PDB file of N, CA and C in Angstrom:
ATOM      1  N   MET A   1       0.838  -1.381   0.151  1.00  0.00           N
ATOM      2  CA  MET A   1      -0.139  -0.096  -0.004  1.00  0.00           C
ATOM      3  C   MET A   1       0.847   1.332  -0.087  1.00  0.00           C
ATOM      4  N   ARG A   2       1.945   1.285   0.817  1.00  0.00           N
ATOM      5  CA  ARG A   2       2.672   2.519   0.787  1.00  0.00           C
ATOM      6  C   ARG A   2       3.383   2.790  -0.604  1.00  0.00           C
ATOM      7  N   GLU A   3       3.826   1.440  -1.081  1.00  0.00           N
ATOM      8  CA  GLU A   3       4.309   1.692  -2.345  1.00  0.00           C
ATOM      9  C   GLU A   3       3.287   2.312  -3.397  1.00  0.00           C
ATOM     10  N   TRP A   4       2.187   1.940  -3.247  1.00  0.00           N
ATOM     11  CA  TRP A   4       1.247   2.822  -4.558  1.00  0.00           C
ATOM     12  C   TRP A   4       0.845   4.403  -4.068  1.00  0.00           C
ATOM     13  N   PHE A   5       1.203   4.481  -2.669  1.00  0.00           N
ATOM     14  CA  PHE A   5       0.710   5.690  -2.482  1.00  0.00           C
ATOM     15  C   PHE A   5       1.845   6.668  -3.043  1.00  0.00           C
ATOM     16  N   LEU A   6       3.122   6.084  -2.948  1.00  0.00           N
ATOM     17  CA  LEU A   6       4.730   6.630  -3.298  1.00  0.00           C
ATOM     18  C   LEU A   6       4.310   6.866  -5.012  1.00  0.00           C
ATOM     19  N   GLU A   7       3.734   5.944  -5.789  1.00  0.00           N
ATOM     20  CA  GLU A   7       3.707   5.996  -7.213  1.00  0.00           C
ATOM     21  C   GLU A   7       2.608   7.181  -7.501  1.00  0.00           C
ATOM     22  N   HIS A   8       1.540   7.216  -6.895  1.00  0.00           N
ATOM     23  CA  HIS A   8       0.629   7.903  -7.155  1.00  0.00           C
ATOM     24  C   HIS A   8       0.530   9.265  -6.154  1.00  0.00           C
ATOM     25  N   PHE A   9       1.718  10.143  -6.562  1.00  0.00           N
ATOM     26  CA  PHE A   9       1.442  11.386  -5.641  1.00  0.00           C
ATOM     27  C   PHE A   9       0.543  12.067  -5.423  1.00  0.00           C
ATOM     28  N   TRP A  10       0.169  12.422  -6.586  1.00  0.00           N
ATOM     29  CA  TRP A  10      -0.947  13.693  -6.637  1.00  0.00           C
ATOM     30  C   TRP A  10      -2.421  12.996  -5.916  1.00  0.00           C
ATOM     31  N   ILE A  11      -2.784  11.789  -6.497  1.00  0.00           N
ATOM     32  CA  ILE A  11      -3.574  10.880  -5.926  1.00  0.00           C
ATOM     33  C   ILE A  11      -3.752  10.918  -4.283  1.00  0.00           C
ATOM     34  N   THR A  12      -2.548  10.921  -3.887  1.00  0.00           N
ATOM     35  CA  THR A  12      -2.519  10.554  -2.688  1.00  0.00           C
ATOM     36  C   THR A  12      -2.664  12.174  -1.409  1.00  0.00           C
ATOM     37  N   TYR A  13      -2.036  13.067  -2.414  1.00  0.00           N
ATOM     38  CA  TYR A  13      -2.291  14.540  -1.917  1.00  0.00           C
ATOM     39  C   TYR A  13      -3.357  14.709  -2.048  1.00  0.00           C
ATOM     40  N   ALA A  14      -4.409  14.104  -2.982  1.00  0.00           N
ATOM     41  CA  ALA A  14      -5.865  14.694  -3.068  1.00  0.00           C
ATOM     42  C   ALA A  14      -6.568  13.956  -1.625  1.00  0.00           C
ATOM     43  N   ILE A  15      -6.164  12.839  -1.804  1.00  0.00           N
ATOM     44  CA  ILE A  15      -6.884  12.292  -0.430  1.00  0.00           C
ATOM     45  C   ILE A  15      -6.414  12.672   1.147  1.00  0.00           C
ATOM     46  N   ILE A  16      -5.244  13.155   0.822  1.00  0.00           N
ATOM     47  CA  ILE A  16      -4.895  13.678   2.269  1.00  0.00           C
ATOM     48  C   ILE A  16      -5.491  15.069   2.137  1.00  0.00           C
ATOM     49  N   PHE A  17      -6.015  16.199   1.070  1.00  0.00           N
ATOM     50  CA  PHE A  17      -6.308  17.293   1.453  1.00  0.00           C
ATOM     51  C   PHE A  17      -7.687  17.026   1.415  1.00  0.00           C
ATOM     52  N   ILE A  18      -8.421  16.163   0.752  1.00  0.00           N
ATOM     53  CA  ILE A  18      -9.986  16.016   1.369  1.00  0.00           C
ATOM     54  C   ILE A  18     -10.550  15.532   2.592  1.00  0.00           C
ATOM     55  N   LEU A  19      -9.588  14.691   3.140  1.00  0.00           N
ATOM     56  CA  LEU A  19      -9.280  14.517   4.631  1.00  0.00           C
ATOM     57  C   LEU A  19      -9.411  15.444   5.514  1.00  0.00           C
ATOM     58  N   VAL A  20      -8.137  15.698   4.992  1.00  0.00           N
ATOM     59  CA  VAL A  20      -7.954  17.156   6.248  1.00  0.00           C
ATOM     60  C   VAL A  20      -8.942  18.217   6.252  1.00  0.00           C
ATOM     61  N   SER A  21      -9.664  18.276   4.990  1.00  0.00           N
ATOM     62  CA  SER A  21     -10.785  19.559   4.846  1.00  0.00           C
ATOM     63  C   SER A  21     -11.698  19.202   5.092  1.00  0.00           C
ATOM     64  N   TYR A  22     -12.035  17.793   5.528  1.00  0.00           N
ATOM     65  CA  TYR A  22     -13.357  17.276   6.225  1.00  0.00           C
ATOM     66  C   TYR A  22     -13.035  17.285   7.401  1.00  0.00           C
ATOM     67  N   VAL A  23     -11.942  16.749   8.064  1.00  0.00           N
ATOM     68  CA  VAL A  23     -11.962  17.294   9.468  1.00  0.00           C
ATOM     69  C   VAL A  23     -11.853  18.394  10.056  1.00  0.00           C
ATOM     70  N   TYR A  24     -11.459  19.219   8.957  1.00  0.00           N
ATOM     71  CA  TYR A  24     -11.424  21.050   9.174  1.00  0.00           C
ATOM     72  C   TYR A  24     -13.346  21.149   9.345  1.00  0.00           C
ATOM     73  N   ASN A  25     -13.891  20.939   8.309  1.00  0.00           N
ATOM     74  CA  ASN A  25     -15.312  21.349   8.253  1.00  0.00           C
ATOM     75  C   ASN A  25     -16.071  20.774   9.387  1.00  0.00           C
ATOM     76  N   LYS A  26     -15.715  19.572   9.856  1.00  0.00           N
ATOM     77  CA  LYS A  26     -16.479  18.888  10.858  1.00  0.00           C
ATOM     78  C   LYS A  26     -16.211  19.248  12.458  1.00  0.00           C
ATOM     79  N   VAL A  27     -15.086  19.715  12.275  1.00  0.00           N
ATOM     80  CA  VAL A  27     -14.696  19.746  13.913  1.00  0.00           C
ATOM     81  C   VAL A  27     -14.222  21.256  14.190  1.00  0.00           C
ATOM     82  N   PHE A  28     -13.203  21.830  13.423  1.00  0.00           N
ATOM     83  CA  PHE A  28     -12.954  23.204  14.181  1.00  0.00           C
ATOM     84  C   PHE A  28     -13.847  24.277  13.145  1.00  0.00           C
ATOM     85  N   ARG A  29     -14.655  24.258  12.043  1.00  0.00           N
ATOM     86  CA  ARG A  29     -15.094  25.425  11.794  1.00  0.00           C
ATOM     87  C   ARG A  29     -16.389  25.831  12.253  1.00  0.00           C
ATOM     88  N   VAL A  30     -16.656  26.884  12.939  1.00  0.00           N
ATOM     89  CA  VAL A  30     -17.747  27.168  13.758  1.00  0.00           C
ATOM     90  C   VAL A  30     -18.455  27.969  13.231  1.00  0.00           C
ATOM     91  N   GLY A  31     -18.090  28.899  12.184  1.00  0.00           N
ATOM     92  CA  GLY A  31     -19.224  29.799  11.834  1.00  0.00           C
ATOM     93  C   GLY A  31     -18.825  29.659  10.000  1.00  0.00           C
ATOM     94  N   LYS A  32     -19.825  30.335   9.281  1.00  0.00           N
ATOM     95  CA  LYS A  32     -19.228  30.669   7.961  1.00  0.00           C
ATOM     96  C   LYS A  32     -18.270  31.664   7.782  1.00  0.00           C
ATOM     97  N   LEU A  33     -17.351  31.274   6.868  1.00  0.00           N
ATOM     98  CA  LEU A  33     -16.328  32.514   6.466  1.00  0.00           C
ATOM     99  C   LEU A  33     -16.516  33.476   5.513  1.00  0.00           C
ATOM    100  N   THR A  34     -15.845  34.328   5.485  1.00  0.00           N
ATOM    101  CA  THR A  34     -16.106  35.616   4.148  1.00  0.00           C
ATOM    102  C   THR A  34     -15.347  34.703   2.921  1.00  0.00           C
ATOM    103  N   ILE A  35     -15.390  35.144   2.071  1.00  0.00           N
ATOM    104  CA  ILE A  35     -14.703  34.513   0.915  1.00  0.00           C
ATOM    105  C   ILE A  35     -13.290  34.355   1.035  1.00  0.00           C
ATOM    106  N   PRO A  36     -12.363  35.714   1.383  1.00  0.00           N
ATOM    107  CA  PRO A  36     -11.100  35.620   1.387  1.00  0.00           C
ATOM    108  C   PRO A  36     -10.379  34.967   2.421  1.00  0.00           C
ATOM    109  N   LYS A  37     -11.338  34.817   3.433  1.00  0.00           N
ATOM    110  CA  LYS A  37     -10.700  34.071   4.728  1.00  0.00           C
ATOM    111  C   LYS A  37     -11.287  32.786   4.393  1.00  0.00           C
ATOM    112  N   ALA A  38     -11.688  32.313   3.692  1.00  0.00           N
ATOM    113  CA  ALA A  38     -12.326  30.686   3.556  1.00  0.00           C
ATOM    114  C   ALA A  38     -11.164  30.448   2.376  1.00  0.00           C
ATOM    115  N   ILE A  39     -10.596  31.113   1.411  1.00  0.00           N
ATOM    116  CA  ILE A  39      -9.703  30.704   0.475  1.00  0.00           C
ATOM    117  C   ILE A  39      -8.105  30.670   1.217  1.00  0.00           C
ATOM    118  N   LEU A  40      -8.133  31.436   2.189  1.00  0.00           N
ATOM    119  CA  LEU A  40      -6.948  31.483   3.118  1.00  0.00           C
ATOM    120  C   LEU A  40      -6.719  30.238   3.783  1.00  0.00           C
ATOM    121  N   VAL A  41      -8.001  29.807   4.348  1.00  0.00           N
ATOM    122  CA  VAL A  41      -8.108  28.716   5.134  1.00  0.00           C
ATOM    123  C   VAL A  41      -7.622  27.207   4.065  1.00  0.00           C
ATOM    124  N   TYR A  42      -8.140  27.630   3.197  1.00  0.00           N
ATOM    125  CA  TYR A  42      -7.984  26.322   2.395  1.00  0.00           C
ATOM    126  C   TYR A  42      -6.383  26.338   1.722  1.00  0.00           C
ATOM    127  N   VAL A  43      -5.719  27.393   1.101  1.00  0.00           N
ATOM    128  CA  VAL A  43      -5.061  27.373   0.942  1.00  0.00           C
ATOM    129  C   VAL A  43      -3.559  26.791   2.219  1.00  0.00           C
ATOM    130  N   LEU A  44      -3.638  27.125   3.635  1.00  0.00           N
ATOM    131  CA  LEU A  44      -3.023  26.712   4.245  1.00  0.00           C
ATOM    132  C   LEU A  44      -3.337  25.454   4.668  1.00  0.00           C
ATOM    133  N   ILE A  45      -4.652  24.791   4.409  1.00  0.00           N
ATOM    134  CA  ILE A  45      -4.708  23.361   4.607  1.00  0.00           C
ATOM    135  C   ILE A  45      -4.207  22.627   3.279  1.00  0.00           C
ATOM    136  N   ALA A  46      -4.088  23.181   2.124  1.00  0.00           N
ATOM    137  CA  ALA A  46      -3.464  22.680   0.950  1.00  0.00           C
ATOM    138  C   ALA A  46      -1.543  22.759   1.595  1.00  0.00           C
ATOM    139  N   MET A  47      -1.222  23.755   1.814  1.00  0.00           N
ATOM    140  CA  MET A  47       0.026  23.726   2.451  1.00  0.00           C
ATOM    141  C   MET A  47       0.374  22.741   3.602  1.00  0.00           C
ATOM    142  N   GLY A  48      -0.508  22.394   4.364  1.00  0.00           N
ATOM    143  CA  GLY A  48      -0.307  21.572   5.485  1.00  0.00           C
ATOM    144  C   GLY A  48      -0.349  20.098   4.700  1.00  0.00           C
ATOM    145  N   SER A  49      -1.114  20.037   3.841  1.00  0.00           N
ATOM    146  CA  SER A  49      -1.390  18.505   3.180  1.00  0.00           C
ATOM    147  C   SER A  49      -0.260  18.200   2.461  1.00  0.00           C
ATOM    148  N   TYR A  50       0.566  19.111   2.157  1.00  0.00           N
ATOM    149  CA  TYR A  50       1.645  18.976   1.219  1.00  0.00           C
ATOM    150  C   TYR A  50       2.775  18.346   2.083  1.00  0.00           C
ATOM    151  N   MET A  51       2.859  19.111   3.409  1.00  0.00           N
ATOM    152  CA  MET A  51       3.544  18.745   4.733  1.00  0.00           C
ATOM    153  C   MET A  51       3.407  17.352   5.084  1.00  0.00           C
ATOM    154  N   LEU A  52       2.219  17.214   5.134  1.00  0.00           N
ATOM    155  CA  LEU A  52       1.658  15.709   5.687  1.00  0.00           C
ATOM    156  C   LEU A  52       1.900  14.723   4.348  1.00  0.00           C
ATOM    157  N   MET A  53       1.942  15.258   3.011  1.00  0.00           N
ATOM    158  CA  MET A  53       2.482  14.609   1.997  1.00  0.00           C
ATOM    159  C   MET A  53       3.791  13.968   1.963  1.00  0.00           C
ATOM    160  N   ILE A  54       4.678  14.925   2.386  1.00  0.00           N
ATOM    161  CA  ILE A  54       5.929  14.553   2.560  1.00  0.00           C
ATOM    162  C   ILE A  54       6.217  13.607   4.047  1.00  0.00           C
ATOM    163  N   PHE A  55       5.558  13.547   4.910  1.00  0.00           N
ATOM    164  CA  PHE A  55       5.695  12.460   6.110  1.00  0.00           C
ATOM    165  C   PHE A  55       5.154  11.217   5.368  1.00  0.00           C
ATOM    166  N   GLN A  56       4.069  11.064   4.759  1.00  0.00           N
ATOM    167  CA  GLN A  56       3.412  10.103   4.290  1.00  0.00           C
ATOM    168  C   GLN A  56       4.673   9.552   3.370  1.00  0.00           C
ATOM    169  N   ALA A  57       5.379  10.239   2.415  1.00  0.00           N
ATOM    170  CA  ALA A  57       6.562   9.767   1.557  1.00  0.00           C
ATOM    171  C   ALA A  57       7.766   9.192   2.506  1.00  0.00           C
ATOM    172  N   LEU A  58       7.579   9.735   3.842  1.00  0.00           N
ATOM    173  CA  LEU A  58       8.973   9.677   4.352  1.00  0.00           C
ATOM    174  C   LEU A  58       8.671   8.239   5.180  1.00  0.00           C
ATOM    175  N   GLY A  59       7.366   7.644   5.242  1.00  0.00           N
ATOM    176  CA  GLY A  59       7.026   6.197   6.099  1.00  0.00           C
ATOM    177  C   GLY A  59       5.792   6.435   6.992  1.00  0.00           C
ATOM    178  N   LEU A  60       5.468   7.554   7.113  1.00  0.00           N
ATOM    179  CA  LEU A  60       4.699   7.786   8.524  1.00  0.00           C
ATOM    180  C   LEU A  60       2.770   7.240   7.709  1.00  0.00           C
ATOM    181  N   PRO A  61       2.475   6.524   8.491  1.00  0.00           N
ATOM    182  CA  PRO A  61       0.853   5.989   8.031  1.00  0.00           C
ATOM    183  C   PRO A  61       0.101   7.570   8.126  1.00  0.00           C
ATOM    184  N   ILE A  62       0.205   8.526   7.563  1.00  0.00           N
ATOM    185  CA  ILE A  62      -0.733   9.838   7.350  1.00  0.00           C
ATOM    186  C   ILE A  62      -2.275   9.259   6.993  1.00  0.00           C
ATOM    187  N   VAL A  63      -2.125   9.065   5.560  1.00  0.00           N
ATOM    188  CA  VAL A  63      -3.575   8.550   5.054  1.00  0.00           C
ATOM    189  C   VAL A  63      -4.427   7.642   6.163  1.00  0.00           C
ATOM    190  N   LEU A  64      -3.794   6.424   6.717  1.00  0.00           N
ATOM    191  CA  LEU A  64      -4.367   5.653   7.602  1.00  0.00           C
ATOM    192  C   LEU A  64      -4.597   6.381   8.709  1.00  0.00           C
ATOM    193  N   SER A  65      -4.056   7.129   9.441  1.00  0.00           N
ATOM    194  CA  SER A  65      -4.219   7.859  10.025  1.00  0.00           C
ATOM    195  C   SER A  65      -5.570   8.598   9.997  1.00  0.00           C
ATOM    196  N   LEU A  66      -5.698   9.435   8.826  1.00  0.00           N
ATOM    197  CA  LEU A  66      -6.891  10.503   8.715  1.00  0.00           C
ATOM    198  C   LEU A  66      -8.059   9.437   8.594  1.00  0.00           C
ATOM    199  N   ALA A  67      -7.634   8.950   7.906  1.00  0.00           N
ATOM    200  CA  ALA A  67      -9.000   7.697   7.547  1.00  0.00           C
ATOM    201  C   ALA A  67      -9.595   7.149   8.904  1.00  0.00           C
ATOM    202  N   VAL A  68      -8.639   6.904   9.825  1.00  0.00           N
ATOM    203  CA  VAL A  68      -9.475   6.420  11.159  1.00  0.00           C
ATOM    204  C   VAL A  68      -9.874   7.426  11.740  1.00  0.00           C
ATOM    205  N   ALA A  69      -9.215   8.628  11.906  1.00  0.00           N
ATOM    206  CA  ALA A  69      -9.928   9.711  12.354  1.00  0.00           C
ATOM    207  C   ALA A  69     -11.209  10.469  11.854  1.00  0.00           C
ATOM    208  N   VAL A  70     -11.696  10.008  10.361  1.00  0.00           N
ATOM    209  CA  VAL A  70     -12.439  10.320   9.579  1.00  0.00           C
ATOM    210  C   VAL A  70     -13.490   9.311   9.999  1.00  0.00           C
ATOM    211  N   PHE A  71     -13.290   7.965  10.044  1.00  0.00           N
ATOM    212  CA  PHE A  71     -14.254   6.817  10.616  1.00  0.00           C
ATOM    213  C   PHE A  71     -14.869   7.019  12.056  1.00  0.00           C
ATOM    214  N   LEU A  72     -13.690   7.519  13.100  1.00  0.00           N
ATOM    215  CA  LEU A  72     -14.287   7.792  14.262  1.00  0.00           C
ATOM    216  C   LEU A  72     -15.616   8.802  14.445  1.00  0.00           C
ATOM    217  N   MET A  73     -15.249  10.023  13.680  1.00  0.00           N
ATOM    218  CA  MET A  73     -16.332  10.994  13.445  1.00  0.00           C
ATOM    219  C   MET A  73     -17.415  10.601  12.732  1.00  0.00           C
ATOM    220  N   LEU A  74     -17.537   9.507  12.111  1.00  0.00           N
ATOM    221  CA  LEU A  74     -18.668   8.933  11.741  1.00  0.00           C
ATOM    222  C   LEU A  74     -19.208   8.063  12.511  1.00  0.00           C
ATOM    223  N   ILE A  75     -18.488   7.343  13.078  1.00  0.00           N
ATOM    224  CA  ILE A  75     -19.426   7.021  14.165  1.00  0.00           C
ATOM    225  C   ILE A  75     -20.097   7.408  14.990  1.00  0.00           C
ATOM    226  N   VAL A  76     -19.105   8.757  15.523  1.00  0.00           N
ATOM    227  CA  VAL A  76     -19.948   9.574  16.686  1.00  0.00           C
ATOM    228  C   VAL A  76     -21.327  10.168  15.996  1.00  0.00           C
ATOM    229  N   ARG A  77     -20.914  10.698  14.662  1.00  0.00           N
ATOM    230  CA  ARG A  77     -22.362  11.299  14.258  1.00  0.00           C
ATOM    231  C   ARG A  77     -23.498  10.323  14.038  1.00  0.00           C
ATOM    232  N   VAL A  78     -23.161   8.853  13.814  1.00  0.00           N
ATOM    233  CA  VAL A  78     -24.068   7.789  13.702  1.00  0.00           C
ATOM    234  C   VAL A  78     -24.859   7.897  15.420  1.00  0.00           C
ATOM    235  N   ARG A  79     -23.974   7.625  16.055  1.00  0.00           N
ATOM    236  CA  ARG A  79     -24.356   7.893  17.414  1.00  0.00           C
ATOM    237  C   ARG A  79     -25.733   8.803  17.870  1.00  0.00           C
ATOM    238  N   TYR A  80     -25.121  10.136  17.699  1.00  0.00           N
ATOM    239  CA  TYR A  80     -25.935  11.372  17.769  1.00  0.00           C
ATOM    240  C   TYR A  80     -27.074  11.307  17.211  1.00  0.00           C
ATOM    241  N   PHE A  81     -27.292  11.098  15.773  1.00  0.00           N
ATOM    242  CA  PHE A  81     -28.204  10.375  15.197  1.00  0.00           C
ATOM    243  C   PHE A  81     -29.277   9.435  16.068  1.00  0.00           C
ATOM    244  N   LEU A  82     -28.619   8.777  16.451  1.00  0.00           N
ATOM    245  CA  LEU A  82     -29.269   7.362  16.820  1.00  0.00           C
ATOM    246  C   LEU A  82     -30.102   7.835  18.659  1.00  0.00           C
ATOM    247  N   GLU A  83     -29.100   8.756  18.992  1.00  0.00           N
ATOM    248  CA  GLU A  83     -29.448   9.140  20.565  1.00  0.00           C
ATOM    249  C   GLU A  83     -30.753  10.345  20.240  1.00  0.00           C
ATOM    250  N   GLY A  84     -30.775  10.861  19.209  1.00  0.00           N
ATOM    251  CA  GLY A  84     -31.455  11.903  18.810  1.00  0.00           C
ATOM    252  C   GLY A  84     -32.970  11.365  18.618  1.00  0.00           C
ATOM    253  N   ARG A  85     -33.079  10.459  17.904  1.00  0.00           N
ATOM    254  CA  ARG A  85     -34.434   9.758  17.210  1.00  0.00           C
ATOM    255  C   ARG A  85     -34.453   8.491  18.430  1.00  0.00           C
ATOM    256  N   THR A  86     -33.846   8.308  19.539  1.00  0.00           N
ATOM    257  CA  THR A  86     -34.417   7.636  20.655  1.00  0.00           C
ATOM    258  C   THR A  86     -35.256   8.697  21.472  1.00  0.00           C
ATOM    259  N   LYS A  87     -34.271   9.593  22.055  1.00  0.00           N
ATOM    260  CA  LYS A  87     -35.092  10.734  22.233  1.00  0.00           C
ATOM    261  C   LYS A  87     -36.739  11.337  21.875  1.00  0.00           C
ATOM    262  N   ARG A  88     -36.299  11.601  20.890  1.00  0.00           N
ATOM    263  CA  ARG A  88     -37.326  12.313  20.172  1.00  0.00           C
ATOM    264  C   ARG A  88     -38.835  10.990  20.346  1.00  0.00           C
ATOM    265  N   LYS A  89     -38.364  10.068  20.148  1.00  0.00           N
ATOM    266  CA  LYS A  89     -39.777   8.853  20.665  1.00  0.00           C
ATOM    267  C   LYS A  89     -39.854   8.806  21.850  1.00  0.00           C
ATOM    268  N   GLN A  90     -39.119   9.016  22.775  1.00  0.00           N
ATOM    269  CA  GLN A  90     -39.670   9.439  24.179  1.00  0.00           C
ATOM    270  C   GLN A  90     -40.269  10.302  24.480  1.00  0.00           C
ATOM    271  N   ASP A  91     -39.741  11.643  23.809  1.00  0.00           N
ATOM    272  CA  ASP A  91     -40.723  12.858  24.061  1.00  0.00           C
ATOM    273  C   ASP A  91     -42.159  12.651  23.504  1.00  0.00           C
ATOM    274  N   GLU A  92     -42.402  11.886  22.163  1.00  0.00           N
ATOM    275  CA  GLU A  92     -43.404  11.755  21.658  1.00  0.00           C
ATOM    276  C   GLU A  92     -44.550  10.744  22.630  1.00  0.00           C
ATOM    277  N   GLN A  93     -43.790   9.584  23.243  1.00  0.00           N
ATOM    278  CA  GLN A  93     -44.650   8.914  24.002  1.00  0.00           C
ATOM    279  C   GLN A  93     -45.096   9.732  25.315  1.00  0.00           C
ATOM    280  N   SER A  94     -43.939  10.637  25.923  1.00  0.00           N
ATOM    281  CA  SER A  94     -44.427  11.451  27.089  1.00  0.00           C
ATOM    282  C   SER A  94     -45.542  12.290  26.937  1.00  0.00           C
ATOM    283  N   ALA A  95     -45.436  12.890  25.990  1.00  0.00           N
ATOM    284  CA  ALA A  95     -46.456  13.747  25.289  1.00  0.00           C
ATOM    285  C   ALA A  95     -47.729  13.134  25.254  1.00  0.00           C
ATOM    286  N   SER A  96     -48.102  11.885  24.477  1.00  0.00           N
ATOM    287  CA  SER A  96     -49.333  11.172  24.590  1.00  0.00           C
ATOM    288  C   SER A  96     -49.857  10.694  25.498  1.00  0.00           C
ATOM    289  N   GLU A  97     -49.150  10.359  26.500  1.00  0.00           N
ATOM    290  CA  GLU A  97     -49.276   9.818  27.795  1.00  0.00           C
ATOM    291  C   GLU A  97     -50.097  11.062  28.711  1.00  0.00           C
ATOM    292  N   ASN A  98     -49.485  12.251  28.575  1.00  0.00           N
ATOM    293  CA  ASN A  98     -49.961  13.126  29.331  1.00  0.00           C
ATOM    294  C   ASN A  98     -51.313  14.027  28.795  1.00  0.00           C
ATOM    295  N   ARG A  99     -51.626  13.495  27.563  1.00  0.00           N
ATOM    296  CA  ARG A  99     -52.966  13.830  26.846  1.00  0.00           C
ATOM    297  C   ARG A  99     -54.435  13.323  27.854  1.00  0.00           C
TER     298      ARG A  99
END
């Protein structure tokens, strides 16, 4: 797998950029940014992704680590969704019992 990432430099860079952008959007972004600020943020993410690409080429499992982080974030989102659905059902049941 490591050899494939080394052979396909730009695909690996795109994967890293997409994963880092996803993590930024789901974890660190608080509100909507103005267009110049958003451009600056994504330029900095692109520069940081290049640095992470260098670490990936040196043998660190950057893509795997980012994939695990995104997977854990998806698990948390599913958990919140299920908890919210259960809470809504409980609220509906308690509202119907109070009638």
